[in-house]
Amino acid sequence: MKLRIPFQTYPVRIGIAMEEEGLRFVEAKCVDGGVEIRQAGRIRLEDGCMENGRIIDMERAKLQLALAKKELRLSKKKAILSIPTSTVVIRKTRQPRLSPEEIRSLLEIELGTTIHLPFSRPYFDFHKIGEVEPEQDPNERDGFGLDDALPEDEYLVIAAPGDVIDPYIELLKVLDLEVTAVDIEPLALYRLLLASGEGYPTDFMFLQLGPHAVNVSIFQSDIPEFLRSIPIQMAHYQPAGEPALQGESSGALDAFVQDLIREVDRVINFYQFSMKNDGTRIKTIYITGEGSNLEEMIAMLQPRMSSLQIHPLPTHHIRHQPTLQKSVQAITAAAGLTLRG
């Protein structure tokens, strides 16, 4: 099975994002100037059904979906599925200038050997970034020992463990859904940003807030360069009895923001000075995800990270029912999945 990434388009109407708490789903269609959401919600799973992005108790999870199926209108439809960022690996690699079919065969051999992966049996896809100029030793002279350098291309490879994806697809059969492709959430967010019509810098970051982790993704133009899932759990900052970080709990929110800044600074420094070290500088951070206080959080982050522009992910182009107004940032990844076609 191939893990398809969205450098080609496919007709998809339902996006499903797998989360620790359950399945976040959005059914939407593209309209002039935006995205129109027909229905959206979350099918909750009981504690212990999923851990660290993996389904632990398949039978209990299937039971939860079977009970929810009666109230939803998702059966007999095609869906695109995203997998948790914590399970995804991206790599850049140079390969000989070959056809796509030959490149896929070559990558199937190299993944897990010369291209290191922290898991076996990967599902993957790849995208050609561009041509690479042959490197020449400056000490060599024309006509004296200089071999003809073979032309090469640079590729982006995105991989995830098949042992994670296969159970997801099995689980979704309970809803009578056909999974047509598997995606990653950072690319779904990028498509949503692109659809907004707003300009964005060459180098930018997404911060996707969740109850168990903050997902960081750094882009250079349309290419995801870096992914990381930071295990900052919002529940650790919540006063007892409160369901989420609230604006009035200023001490808890401030503690969360302080720890978030420390972790994000580490990521930015690693990316700019160790991974790139070519003058690349991140200009903008787009924040999305769960929480009713994103605006307040941004107001706290901006003066402490003054070299960056920090904004909520644009959602003005998402048409939805008024009941979704306060939670639209929580469904951005699932909504972005529907933009593949």
C-alpha atoms as a PDB file:
ATOM      1  CA  MET A   1       0.000   0.000   0.000  1.00  0.00           C
ATOM      2  CA  LYS A   2       1.242   3.501  -0.797  1.00  0.00           C
ATOM      3  CA  LEU A   3       1.091   6.425   1.567  1.00  0.00           C
ATOM      4  CA  ARG A   4      -0.123   9.131  -0.790  1.00  0.00           C
ATOM      5  CA  ILE A   5       0.906  12.718  -0.213  1.00  0.00           C
ATOM      6  CA  PRO A   6      -0.969  15.581  -1.822  1.00  0.00           C
ATOM      7  CA  PHE A   7       1.139  16.559  -4.776  1.00  0.00           C
ATOM      8  CA  GLN A   8      -1.666  15.066  -6.857  1.00  0.00           C
ATOM      9  CA  THR A   9      -5.342  15.647  -6.296  1.00  0.00           C
ATOM     10  CA  TYR A  10      -8.035  13.070  -5.606  1.00  0.00           C
ATOM     11  CA  PRO A  11     -11.785  13.538  -5.189  1.00  0.00           C
ATOM     12  CA  VAL A  12     -12.237  13.341  -1.422  1.00  0.00           C
ATOM     13  CA  ARG A  13     -15.156  14.673   0.591  1.00  0.00           C
ATOM     14  CA  ILE A  14     -14.494  13.368   4.079  1.00  0.00           C
ATOM     15  CA  GLY A  15     -11.389  14.043   6.139  1.00  0.00           C
ATOM     16  CA  ILE A  16     -10.660  11.970   9.230  1.00  0.00           C
ATOM     17  CA  ALA A  17      -7.889  12.872  11.664  1.00  0.00           C
ATOM     18  CA  MET A  18      -6.880  10.202  14.170  1.00  0.00           C
ATOM     19  CA  GLU A  19      -6.438  11.529  17.708  1.00  0.00           C
ATOM     20  CA  GLU A  20      -5.848   9.975  21.117  1.00  0.00           C
ATOM     21  CA  GLU A  21      -9.406  10.866  22.143  1.00  0.00           C
ATOM     22  CA  GLY A  22     -11.008   9.562  18.969  1.00  0.00           C
ATOM     23  CA  LEU A  23     -11.671  10.362  15.330  1.00  0.00           C
ATOM     24  CA  ARG A  24     -12.152  13.951  14.231  1.00  0.00           C
ATOM     25  CA  PHE A  25     -14.165  14.052  11.002  1.00  0.00           C
ATOM     26  CA  VAL A  26     -15.229  16.728   8.531  1.00  0.00           C
ATOM     27  CA  GLU A  27     -17.393  16.359   5.459  1.00  0.00           C
ATOM     28  CA  ALA A  28     -16.915  19.327   3.158  1.00  0.00           C
ATOM     29  CA  LYS A  29     -16.868  20.478  -0.426  1.00  0.00           C
ATOM     30  CA  CYS A  30     -14.896  23.160  -2.222  1.00  0.00           C
ATOM     31  CA  VAL A  31     -16.876  26.240  -3.211  1.00  0.00           C
ATOM     32  CA  ASP A  32     -15.897  29.526  -4.799  1.00  0.00           C
ATOM     33  CA  GLY A  33     -13.493  31.236  -2.462  1.00  0.00           C
ATOM     34  CA  GLY A  34     -13.565  28.671   0.289  1.00  0.00           C
ATOM     35  CA  VAL A  35     -14.605  25.409   1.886  1.00  0.00           C
ATOM     36  CA  GLU A  36     -18.154  24.568   2.871  1.00  0.00           C
ATOM     37  CA  ILE A  37     -18.531  22.167   5.805  1.00  0.00           C
ATOM     38  CA  ARG A  38     -21.595  19.952   5.697  1.00  0.00           C
ATOM     39  CA  GLN A  39     -20.970  18.139   8.963  1.00  0.00           C
ATOM     40  CA  ALA A  40     -18.160  17.848  11.483  1.00  0.00           C
ATOM     41  CA  GLY A  41     -17.593  16.229  14.824  1.00  0.00           C
ATOM     42  CA  ARG A  42     -15.604  13.771  16.882  1.00  0.00           C
ATOM     43  CA  ILE A  43     -16.248  10.114  17.562  1.00  0.00           C
ATOM     44  CA  ARG A  44     -14.810   9.679  21.019  1.00  0.00           C
ATOM     45  CA  LEU A  45     -12.917   6.578  22.062  1.00  0.00           C
ATOM     46  CA  GLU A  46     -12.663   5.416  25.647  1.00  0.00           C
ATOM     47  CA  ASP A  47      -9.402   5.816  27.527  1.00  0.00           C
ATOM     48  CA  GLY A  48      -6.995   3.027  26.694  1.00  0.00           C
ATOM     49  CA  CYS A  49      -8.218   2.417  23.144  1.00  0.00           C
ATOM     50  CA  MET A  50      -5.320   4.420  21.685  1.00  0.00           C
ATOM     51  CA  GLU A  51      -1.890   5.239  23.062  1.00  0.00           C
ATOM     52  CA  ASN A  52       0.977   7.084  21.362  1.00  0.00           C
ATOM     53  CA  GLY A  53      -0.829   7.030  18.040  1.00  0.00           C
ATOM     54  CA  ARG A  54      -1.471   3.281  18.058  1.00  0.00           C
ATOM     55  CA  ILE A  55      -4.730   1.390  18.530  1.00  0.00           C
ATOM     56  CA  ILE A  56      -4.295  -0.700  21.676  1.00  0.00           C
ATOM     57  CA  ASP A  57      -7.783  -2.188  22.102  1.00  0.00           C
ATOM     58  CA  MET A  58      -9.282  -2.774  18.663  1.00  0.00           C
ATOM     59  CA  GLU A  59     -12.454  -4.507  19.862  1.00  0.00           C
ATOM     60  CA  ARG A  60     -13.408  -1.696  22.239  1.00  0.00           C
ATOM     61  CA  ALA A  61     -12.628   0.900  19.573  1.00  0.00           C
ATOM     62  CA  LYS A  62     -14.813  -0.926  17.043  1.00  0.00           C
ATOM     63  CA  LEU A  63     -17.661  -1.016  19.537  1.00  0.00           C
ATOM     64  CA  GLN A  64     -17.445   2.760  20.054  1.00  0.00           C
ATOM     65  CA  LEU A  65     -17.568   3.387  16.302  1.00  0.00           C
ATOM     66  CA  ALA A  66     -20.437   0.940  15.802  1.00  0.00           C
ATOM     67  CA  LEU A  67     -22.499   2.837  18.385  1.00  0.00           C
ATOM     68  CA  ALA A  68     -21.677   6.190  16.743  1.00  0.00           C
ATOM     69  CA  LYS A  69     -22.378   4.957  13.216  1.00  0.00           C
ATOM     70  CA  LYS A  70     -26.140   5.050  13.728  1.00  0.00           C
ATOM     71  CA  GLU A  71     -26.102   8.812  14.317  1.00  0.00           C
ATOM     72  CA  LEU A  72     -23.748   9.756  11.484  1.00  0.00           C
ATOM     73  CA  ARG A  73     -24.205   9.995   7.732  1.00  0.00           C
ATOM     74  CA  LEU A  74     -20.807   8.745   6.644  1.00  0.00           C
ATOM     75  CA  SER A  75     -21.477   5.259   5.275  1.00  0.00           C
ATOM     76  CA  LYS A  76     -20.721   4.355   1.650  1.00  0.00           C
ATOM     77  CA  LYS A  77     -18.469   7.390   1.221  1.00  0.00           C
ATOM     78  CA  LYS A  78     -14.808   7.866   0.421  1.00  0.00           C
ATOM     79  CA  ALA A  79     -12.469   9.323   2.997  1.00  0.00           C
ATOM     80  CA  ILE A  80      -8.919  10.535   3.322  1.00  0.00           C
ATOM     81  CA  LEU A  81      -7.223   9.621   6.580  1.00  0.00           C
ATOM     82  CA  SER A  82      -4.465  11.473   8.406  1.00  0.00           C
ATOM     83  CA  ILE A  83      -2.114   9.832  10.845  1.00  0.00           C
ATOM     84  CA  PRO A  84      -0.619  11.365  14.000  1.00  0.00           C
ATOM     85  CA  THR A  85       2.463  13.493  13.384  1.00  0.00           C
ATOM     86  CA  SER A  86       4.305  11.541  16.085  1.00  0.00           C
ATOM     87  CA  THR A  87       4.353   8.486  13.781  1.00  0.00           C
ATOM     88  CA  VAL A  88       5.555  10.273  10.621  1.00  0.00           C
ATOM     89  CA  VAL A  89       9.114  10.543   9.313  1.00  0.00           C
ATOM     90  CA  ILE A  90      10.289  12.806   6.493  1.00  0.00           C
ATOM     91  CA  ARG A  91      13.602  12.473   4.692  1.00  0.00           C
ATOM     92  CA  LYS A  92      15.343  14.181   1.803  1.00  0.00           C
ATOM     93  CA  THR A  93      17.366  12.023  -0.533  1.00  0.00           C
ATOM     94  CA  ARG A  94      19.272  12.325  -3.787  1.00  0.00           C
ATOM     95  CA  GLN A  95      18.604   9.701  -6.413  1.00  0.00           C
ATOM     96  CA  PRO A  96      19.682   9.077 -10.005  1.00  0.00           C
ATOM     97  CA  ARG A  97      17.539  10.709 -12.664  1.00  0.00           C
ATOM     98  CA  LEU A  98      15.062   7.888 -13.304  1.00  0.00           C
ATOM     99  CA  SER A  99      11.355   7.474 -14.007  1.00  0.00           C
ATOM    100  CA  PRO A 100       8.900   7.676 -11.072  1.00  0.00           C
ATOM    101  CA  GLU A 101       8.327   3.931 -11.249  1.00  0.00           C
ATOM    102  CA  GLU A 102      12.050   3.242 -11.060  1.00  0.00           C
ATOM    103  CA  ILE A 103      12.473   5.720  -8.193  1.00  0.00           C
ATOM    104  CA  ARG A 104       9.731   4.000  -6.198  1.00  0.00           C
ATOM    105  CA  SER A 105      11.373   0.623  -6.663  1.00  0.00           C
ATOM    106  CA  LEU A 106      14.735   2.066  -5.637  1.00  0.00           C
ATOM    107  CA  LEU A 107      13.285   3.722  -2.537  1.00  0.00           C
ATOM    108  CA  GLU A 108      11.551   0.483  -1.512  1.00  0.00           C
ATOM    109  CA  ILE A 109      15.012  -1.070  -1.327  1.00  0.00           C
ATOM    110  CA  GLU A 110      16.729   1.855   0.386  1.00  0.00           C
ATOM    111  CA  LEU A 111      14.110   2.654   3.038  1.00  0.00           C
ATOM    112  CA  GLY A 112      15.228   1.071   6.273  1.00  0.00           C
ATOM    113  CA  THR A 113      18.758   0.436   4.961  1.00  0.00           C
ATOM    114  CA  THR A 114      20.650   3.391   3.488  1.00  0.00           C
ATOM    115  CA  ILE A 115      17.694   5.674   4.370  1.00  0.00           C
ATOM    116  CA  HIS A 116      17.274   5.075   8.085  1.00  0.00           C
ATOM    117  CA  LEU A 117      13.776   4.771   9.554  1.00  0.00           C
ATOM    118  CA  PRO A 118      12.838   4.103  13.203  1.00  0.00           C
ATOM    119  CA  PHE A 119      10.310   1.445  12.179  1.00  0.00           C
ATOM    120  CA  SER A 120       9.925  -1.497   9.812  1.00  0.00           C
ATOM    121  CA  ARG A 121       7.390  -2.113   7.027  1.00  0.00           C
ATOM    122  CA  PRO A 122       6.951   1.524   6.015  1.00  0.00           C
ATOM    123  CA  TYR A 123       4.242   2.948   3.818  1.00  0.00           C
ATOM    124  CA  PHE A 124       5.659   5.874   1.898  1.00  0.00           C
ATOM    125  CA  ASP A 125       5.353   8.284  -0.961  1.00  0.00           C
ATOM    126  CA  PHE A 126       7.764  10.741  -2.509  1.00  0.00           C
ATOM    127  CA  HIS A 127       7.868  14.071  -4.292  1.00  0.00           C
ATOM    128  CA  LYS A 128      10.549  15.375  -6.621  1.00  0.00           C
ATOM    129  CA  ILE A 129      11.859  18.668  -5.235  1.00  0.00           C
ATOM    130  CA  GLY A 130      14.153  19.514  -8.106  1.00  0.00           C
ATOM    131  CA  GLU A 131      17.293  18.736 -10.046  1.00  0.00           C
ATOM    132  CA  VAL A 132      20.678  18.655  -8.327  1.00  0.00           C
ATOM    133  CA  GLU A 133      23.789  20.041  -9.959  1.00  0.00           C
ATOM    134  CA  PRO A 134      26.568  17.440 -10.183  1.00  0.00           C
ATOM    135  CA  GLU A 135      29.322  18.063  -7.654  1.00  0.00           C
ATOM    136  CA  GLN A 136      32.839  18.452  -8.991  1.00  0.00           C
ATOM    137  CA  ASP A 137      36.086  18.275  -7.038  1.00  0.00           C
ATOM    138  CA  PRO A 138      37.749  21.697  -7.433  1.00  0.00           C
ATOM    139  CA  ASN A 139      41.175  20.008  -7.402  1.00  0.00           C
ATOM    140  CA  GLU A 140      40.364  18.015 -10.516  1.00  0.00           C
ATOM    141  CA  ARG A 141      41.156  19.424 -13.932  1.00  0.00           C
ATOM    142  CA  ASP A 142      39.332  18.914 -17.179  1.00  0.00           C
ATOM    143  CA  GLY A 143      40.432  15.773 -18.912  1.00  0.00           C
ATOM    144  CA  PHE A 144      42.439  14.393 -15.985  1.00  0.00           C
ATOM    145  CA  GLY A 145      40.599  11.768 -13.968  1.00  0.00           C
ATOM    146  CA  LEU A 146      37.227  13.520 -14.002  1.00  0.00           C
ATOM    147  CA  ASP A 147      34.431  10.994 -14.263  1.00  0.00           C
ATOM    148  CA  ASP A 148      31.206  12.089 -15.886  1.00  0.00           C
ATOM    149  CA  ALA A 149      28.901  12.816 -12.968  1.00  0.00           C
ATOM    150  CA  LEU A 150      25.512  11.175 -13.271  1.00  0.00           C
ATOM    151  CA  PRO A 151      22.599  13.650 -13.088  1.00  0.00           C
ATOM    152  CA  GLU A 152      20.600  13.447  -9.861  1.00  0.00           C
ATOM    153  CA  ASP A 153      17.284  14.691  -8.486  1.00  0.00           C
ATOM    154  CA  GLU A 154      16.359  15.557  -4.913  1.00  0.00           C
ATOM    155  CA  TYR A 155      13.274  13.909  -3.431  1.00  0.00           C
ATOM    156  CA  LEU A 156      11.155  14.387  -0.360  1.00  0.00           C
ATOM    157  CA  VAL A 157      10.144  11.050   1.168  1.00  0.00           C
ATOM    158  CA  ILE A 158       7.317  10.802   3.694  1.00  0.00           C
ATOM    159  CA  ALA A 159       6.956   7.513   5.545  1.00  0.00           C
ATOM    160  CA  ALA A 160       4.857   6.023   8.329  1.00  0.00           C
ATOM    161  CA  PRO A 161       4.686   2.539   9.869  1.00  0.00           C
ATOM    162  CA  GLY A 162       2.319   0.112   8.217  1.00  0.00           C
ATOM    163  CA  ASP A 163       1.691  -1.399  11.643  1.00  0.00           C
ATOM    164  CA  VAL A 164      -0.013   1.887  12.591  1.00  0.00           C
ATOM    165  CA  ILE A 165      -1.892   2.546   9.356  1.00  0.00           C
ATOM    166  CA  ASP A 166      -3.356  -0.925   8.799  1.00  0.00           C
ATOM    167  CA  PRO A 167      -5.333  -0.955  12.097  1.00  0.00           C
ATOM    168  CA  TYR A 168      -6.706   2.531  11.315  1.00  0.00           C
ATOM    169  CA  ILE A 169      -8.058   1.316   7.998  1.00  0.00           C
ATOM    170  CA  GLU A 170      -9.509  -1.793   9.627  1.00  0.00           C
ATOM    171  CA  LEU A 171     -11.211   0.370  12.252  1.00  0.00           C
ATOM    172  CA  LEU A 172     -12.805   2.650   9.659  1.00  0.00           C
ATOM    173  CA  LYS A 173     -14.442  -0.336   7.973  1.00  0.00           C
ATOM    174  CA  VAL A 174     -16.860  -0.299  10.906  1.00  0.00           C
ATOM    175  CA  LEU A 175     -18.163   3.034   9.566  1.00  0.00           C
ATOM    176  CA  ASP A 176     -18.446   1.525   6.078  1.00  0.00           C
ATOM    177  CA  LEU A 177     -15.958   4.088   4.744  1.00  0.00           C
ATOM    178  CA  GLU A 178     -13.530   3.547   1.880  1.00  0.00           C
ATOM    179  CA  VAL A 179     -10.124   5.063   2.647  1.00  0.00           C
ATOM    180  CA  THR A 180      -8.785   6.341  -0.670  1.00  0.00           C
ATOM    181  CA  ALA A 181      -5.551   7.878   0.630  1.00  0.00           C
ATOM    182  CA  VAL A 182      -3.474   8.442   3.743  1.00  0.00           C
ATOM    183  CA  ASP A 183      -2.161  11.942   4.443  1.00  0.00           C
ATOM    184  CA  ILE A 184      -0.249  13.898   7.052  1.00  0.00           C
ATOM    185  CA  GLU A 185      -1.740  16.769   9.023  1.00  0.00           C
ATOM    186  CA  PRO A 186       0.920  19.426   8.255  1.00  0.00           C
ATOM    187  CA  LEU A 187       0.166  19.150   4.538  1.00  0.00           C
ATOM    188  CA  ALA A 188      -3.559  19.355   5.264  1.00  0.00           C
ATOM    189  CA  LEU A 189      -2.943  22.592   7.199  1.00  0.00           C
ATOM    190  CA  TYR A 190      -0.821  23.914   4.337  1.00  0.00           C
ATOM    191  CA  ARG A 191      -3.598  23.307   1.827  1.00  0.00           C
ATOM    192  CA  LEU A 192      -6.029  25.143   4.097  1.00  0.00           C
ATOM    193  CA  LEU A 193      -3.621  28.087   4.350  1.00  0.00           C
ATOM    194  CA  LEU A 194      -3.180  28.097   0.576  1.00  0.00           C
ATOM    195  CA  ALA A 195      -6.956  28.057   0.045  1.00  0.00           C
ATOM    196  CA  SER A 196      -7.349  31.119   2.275  1.00  0.00           C
ATOM    197  CA  GLY A 197      -5.810  33.335  -0.409  1.00  0.00           C
ATOM    198  CA  GLU A 198      -3.612  35.086   2.146  1.00  0.00           C
ATOM    199  CA  GLY A 199       0.063  35.591   1.410  1.00  0.00           C
ATOM    200  CA  TYR A 200       2.612  33.762   3.513  1.00  0.00           C
ATOM    201  CA  PRO A 201       6.423  33.908   3.782  1.00  0.00           C
ATOM    202  CA  THR A 202       8.796  31.345   2.325  1.00  0.00           C
ATOM    203  CA  ASP A 203       9.763  29.997   5.740  1.00  0.00           C
ATOM    204  CA  PHE A 204       6.993  29.447   8.281  1.00  0.00           C
ATOM    205  CA  MET A 205       5.827  27.129  11.043  1.00  0.00           C
ATOM    206  CA  PHE A 206       2.566  25.518  12.106  1.00  0.00           C
ATOM    207  CA  LEU A 207       1.908  24.998  15.808  1.00  0.00           C
ATOM    208  CA  GLN A 208      -0.961  22.556  16.240  1.00  0.00           C
ATOM    209  CA  LEU A 209      -2.180  22.387  19.834  1.00  0.00           C
ATOM    210  CA  GLY A 210      -3.637  19.192  21.255  1.00  0.00           C
ATOM    211  CA  PRO A 211      -4.418  17.911  24.747  1.00  0.00           C
ATOM    212  CA  HIS A 212      -1.447  15.505  24.758  1.00  0.00           C
ATOM    213  CA  ALA A 213       1.088  17.161  22.468  1.00  0.00           C
ATOM    214  CA  VAL A 214       1.936  20.191  20.372  1.00  0.00           C
ATOM    215  CA  ASN A 215       2.785  19.296  16.789  1.00  0.00           C
ATOM    216  CA  VAL A 216       5.398  21.471  15.104  1.00  0.00           C
ATOM    217  CA  SER A 217       5.921  21.548  11.346  1.00  0.00           C
ATOM    218  CA  ILE A 218       8.268  23.855   9.456  1.00  0.00           C
ATOM    219  CA  PHE A 219       7.775  24.601   5.779  1.00  0.00           C
ATOM    220  CA  GLN A 220       9.975  26.132   3.121  1.00  0.00           C
ATOM    221  CA  SER A 221       7.508  27.222   0.441  1.00  0.00           C
ATOM    222  CA  ASP A 222       5.326  24.142  -0.127  1.00  0.00           C
ATOM    223  CA  ILE A 223       7.792  21.594   1.230  1.00  0.00           C
ATOM    224  CA  PRO A 224       7.575  20.310   4.823  1.00  0.00           C
ATOM    225  CA  GLU A 225      11.168  20.431   6.034  1.00  0.00           C
ATOM    226  CA  PHE A 226      10.798  19.415   9.653  1.00  0.00           C
ATOM    227  CA  LEU A 227       8.184  17.676  11.849  1.00  0.00           C
ATOM    228  CA  ARG A 228       8.153  17.125  15.573  1.00  0.00           C
ATOM    229  CA  SER A 229       5.560  16.190  18.169  1.00  0.00           C
ATOM    230  CA  ILE A 230       6.354  17.872  21.507  1.00  0.00           C
ATOM    231  CA  PRO A 231       4.779  15.988  24.447  1.00  0.00           C
ATOM    232  CA  ILE A 232       3.400  18.987  26.317  1.00  0.00           C
ATOM    233  CA  GLN A 233       0.143  17.878  27.914  1.00  0.00           C
ATOM    234  CA  MET A 234      -2.365  20.646  28.556  1.00  0.00           C
ATOM    235  CA  ALA A 235      -3.940  18.607  31.354  1.00  0.00           C
ATOM    236  CA  HIS A 236      -0.806  19.073  33.455  1.00  0.00           C
ATOM    237  CA  TYR A 237      -1.437  22.833  33.496  1.00  0.00           C
ATOM    238  CA  GLN A 238      -5.170  22.728  34.212  1.00  0.00           C
ATOM    239  CA  PRO A 239      -6.540  23.525  37.653  1.00  0.00           C
ATOM    240  CA  ALA A 240      -8.552  20.642  39.094  1.00  0.00           C
ATOM    241  CA  GLY A 241     -12.101  20.528  37.803  1.00  0.00           C
ATOM    242  CA  GLU A 242     -11.516  22.639  34.679  1.00  0.00           C
ATOM    243  CA  PRO A 243     -11.901  20.863  31.318  1.00  0.00           C
ATOM    244  CA  ALA A 244      -9.363  22.976  29.441  1.00  0.00           C
ATOM    245  CA  LEU A 245      -6.966  25.857  29.807  1.00  0.00           C
ATOM    246  CA  GLN A 246      -9.223  28.862  30.220  1.00  0.00           C
ATOM    247  CA  GLY A 247      -8.403  32.519  29.824  1.00  0.00           C
ATOM    248  CA  GLU A 248      -9.297  33.294  33.419  1.00  0.00           C
ATOM    249  CA  SER A 249      -6.783  30.697  34.655  1.00  0.00           C
ATOM    250  CA  SER A 250      -3.966  33.117  33.854  1.00  0.00           C
ATOM    251  CA  GLY A 251      -1.365  31.336  35.987  1.00  0.00           C
ATOM    252  CA  ALA A 252      -1.922  27.975  34.301  1.00  0.00           C
ATOM    253  CA  LEU A 253      -1.970  29.503  30.843  1.00  0.00           C
ATOM    254  CA  ASP A 254       1.196  31.495  31.535  1.00  0.00           C
ATOM    255  CA  ALA A 255       3.010  28.356  32.709  1.00  0.00           C
ATOM    256  CA  PHE A 256       1.934  26.524  29.566  1.00  0.00           C
ATOM    257  CA  VAL A 257       3.069  29.408  27.334  1.00  0.00           C
ATOM    258  CA  GLN A 258       6.455  29.594  29.067  1.00  0.00           C
ATOM    259  CA  ASP A 259       7.113  25.890  28.507  1.00  0.00           C
ATOM    260  CA  LEU A 260       5.835  26.121  24.944  1.00  0.00           C
ATOM    261  CA  ILE A 261       8.208  29.010  24.162  1.00  0.00           C
ATOM    262  CA  ARG A 262      11.164  27.074  25.563  1.00  0.00           C
ATOM    263  CA  GLU A 263      10.389  24.017  23.410  1.00  0.00           C
ATOM    264  CA  VAL A 264       9.654  26.025  20.262  1.00  0.00           C
ATOM    265  CA  ASP A 265      12.882  28.018  20.686  1.00  0.00           C
ATOM    266  CA  ARG A 266      14.796  24.735  20.813  1.00  0.00           C
ATOM    267  CA  VAL A 267      13.157  23.561  17.611  1.00  0.00           C
ATOM    268  CA  ILE A 268      13.788  26.851  15.798  1.00  0.00           C
ATOM    269  CA  ASN A 269      17.453  26.980  16.870  1.00  0.00           C
ATOM    270  CA  PHE A 270      18.028  23.388  15.802  1.00  0.00           C
ATOM    271  CA  TYR A 271      16.338  23.952  12.460  1.00  0.00           C
ATOM    272  CA  GLN A 272      17.999  27.276  11.625  1.00  0.00           C
ATOM    273  CA  PHE A 273      21.529  26.658  12.916  1.00  0.00           C
ATOM    274  CA  SER A 274      22.055  22.878  12.859  1.00  0.00           C
ATOM    275  CA  MET A 275      19.762  21.486  10.193  1.00  0.00           C
ATOM    276  CA  LYS A 276      19.922  24.380   7.685  1.00  0.00           C
ATOM    277  CA  ASN A 277      22.777  26.723   8.715  1.00  0.00           C
ATOM    278  CA  ASP A 278      22.424  28.673   5.468  1.00  0.00           C
ATOM    279  CA  GLY A 279      20.823  31.883   6.676  1.00  0.00           C
ATOM    280  CA  THR A 280      17.279  30.467   6.656  1.00  0.00           C
ATOM    281  CA  ARG A 281      15.071  32.223   9.196  1.00  0.00           C
ATOM    282  CA  ILE A 282      11.499  31.361  10.170  1.00  0.00           C
ATOM    283  CA  LYS A 283       9.340  34.448   9.754  1.00  0.00           C
ATOM    284  CA  THR A 284       5.824  33.432  10.801  1.00  0.00           C
ATOM    285  CA  ILE A 285       4.079  30.971  13.099  1.00  0.00           C
ATOM    286  CA  TYR A 286       0.477  29.917  12.455  1.00  0.00           C
ATOM    287  CA  ILE A 287      -1.294  28.513  15.502  1.00  0.00           C
ATOM    288  CA  THR A 288      -4.260  26.176  15.337  1.00  0.00           C
ATOM    289  CA  GLY A 289      -5.775  23.277  17.255  1.00  0.00           C
ATOM    290  CA  GLU A 290      -7.780  22.843  20.415  1.00  0.00           C
ATOM    291  CA  GLY A 291      -8.470  25.518  22.995  1.00  0.00           C
ATOM    292  CA  SER A 292     -10.913  28.381  23.308  1.00  0.00           C
ATOM    293  CA  ASN A 293      -8.201  30.896  24.101  1.00  0.00           C
ATOM    294  CA  LEU A 294      -5.928  30.897  21.047  1.00  0.00           C
ATOM    295  CA  GLU A 295      -6.149  34.674  20.697  1.00  0.00           C
ATOM    296  CA  GLU A 296      -5.092  35.182  24.321  1.00  0.00           C
ATOM    297  CA  MET A 297      -2.290  32.676  23.895  1.00  0.00           C
ATOM    298  CA  ILE A 298      -1.045  34.518  20.807  1.00  0.00           C
ATOM    299  CA  ALA A 299      -1.173  37.805  22.720  1.00  0.00           C
ATOM    300  CA  MET A 300       1.096  36.234  25.346  1.00  0.00           C
ATOM    301  CA  LEU A 301       3.468  34.655  22.825  1.00  0.00           C
ATOM    302  CA  GLN A 302       3.993  37.634  20.525  1.00  0.00           C
ATOM    303  CA  PRO A 303       5.913  39.979  22.889  1.00  0.00           C
ATOM    304  CA  ARG A 304       8.072  37.091  24.091  1.00  0.00           C
ATOM    305  CA  MET A 305       8.904  35.977  20.542  1.00  0.00           C
ATOM    306  CA  SER A 306       9.162  39.433  19.013  1.00  0.00           C
ATOM    307  CA  SER A 307      11.293  38.374  16.034  1.00  0.00           C
ATOM    308  CA  LEU A 308       8.352  36.324  14.698  1.00  0.00           C
ATOM    309  CA  GLN A 309       4.887  37.137  13.448  1.00  0.00           C
ATOM    310  CA  ILE A 310       2.367  34.909  15.232  1.00  0.00           C
ATOM    311  CA  HIS A 311      -1.148  34.490  13.843  1.00  0.00           C
ATOM    312  CA  PRO A 312      -4.066  32.090  14.131  1.00  0.00           C
ATOM    313  CA  LEU A 313      -4.375  29.888  11.066  1.00  0.00           C
ATOM    314  CA  PRO A 314      -6.747  31.720   8.667  1.00  0.00           C
ATOM    315  CA  THR A 315     -10.245  30.233   8.748  1.00  0.00           C
ATOM    316  CA  HIS A 316     -12.299  33.067   7.203  1.00  0.00           C
ATOM    317  CA  HIS A 317     -12.792  30.965   4.059  1.00  0.00           C
ATOM    318  CA  ILE A 318     -14.365  28.046   5.932  1.00  0.00           C
ATOM    319  CA  ARG A 319     -18.126  28.204   5.746  1.00  0.00           C
ATOM    320  CA  HIS A 320     -19.784  26.419   8.630  1.00  0.00           C
ATOM    321  CA  GLN A 321     -22.756  26.397  10.929  1.00  0.00           C
ATOM    322  CA  PRO A 322     -22.749  28.956  13.764  1.00  0.00           C
ATOM    323  CA  THR A 323     -22.405  26.153  16.311  1.00  0.00           C
ATOM    324  CA  LEU A 324     -18.885  25.474  15.000  1.00  0.00           C
ATOM    325  CA  GLN A 325     -17.664  29.049  15.397  1.00  0.00           C
ATOM    326  CA  LYS A 326     -15.814  28.456  18.671  1.00  0.00           C
ATOM    327  CA  SER A 327     -14.297  25.137  17.586  1.00  0.00           C
ATOM    328  CA  VAL A 328     -13.359  25.731  13.956  1.00  0.00           C
ATOM    329  CA  GLN A 329      -9.621  25.814  14.779  1.00  0.00           C
ATOM    330  CA  ALA A 330      -9.986  22.323  16.271  1.00  0.00           C
ATOM    331  CA  ILE A 331     -11.089  20.862  12.917  1.00  0.00           C
ATOM    332  CA  THR A 332      -8.590  22.579  10.606  1.00  0.00           C
ATOM    333  CA  ALA A 333      -6.551  19.426   9.959  1.00  0.00           C
ATOM    334  CA  ALA A 334      -9.617  17.355   9.088  1.00  0.00           C
ATOM    335  CA  ALA A 335     -10.976  20.203   6.951  1.00  0.00           C
ATOM    336  CA  GLY A 336      -7.681  20.500   5.090  1.00  0.00           C
ATOM    337  CA  LEU A 337      -7.836  16.814   4.237  1.00  0.00           C
ATOM    338  CA  THR A 338     -10.986  17.411   2.203  1.00  0.00           C
ATOM    339  CA  LEU A 339      -9.126  19.809  -0.116  1.00  0.00           C
ATOM    340  CA  ARG A 340      -7.309  17.027  -1.936  1.00  0.00           C
ATOM    341  CA  GLY A 341     -10.065  16.862  -4.480  1.00  0.00           C
END
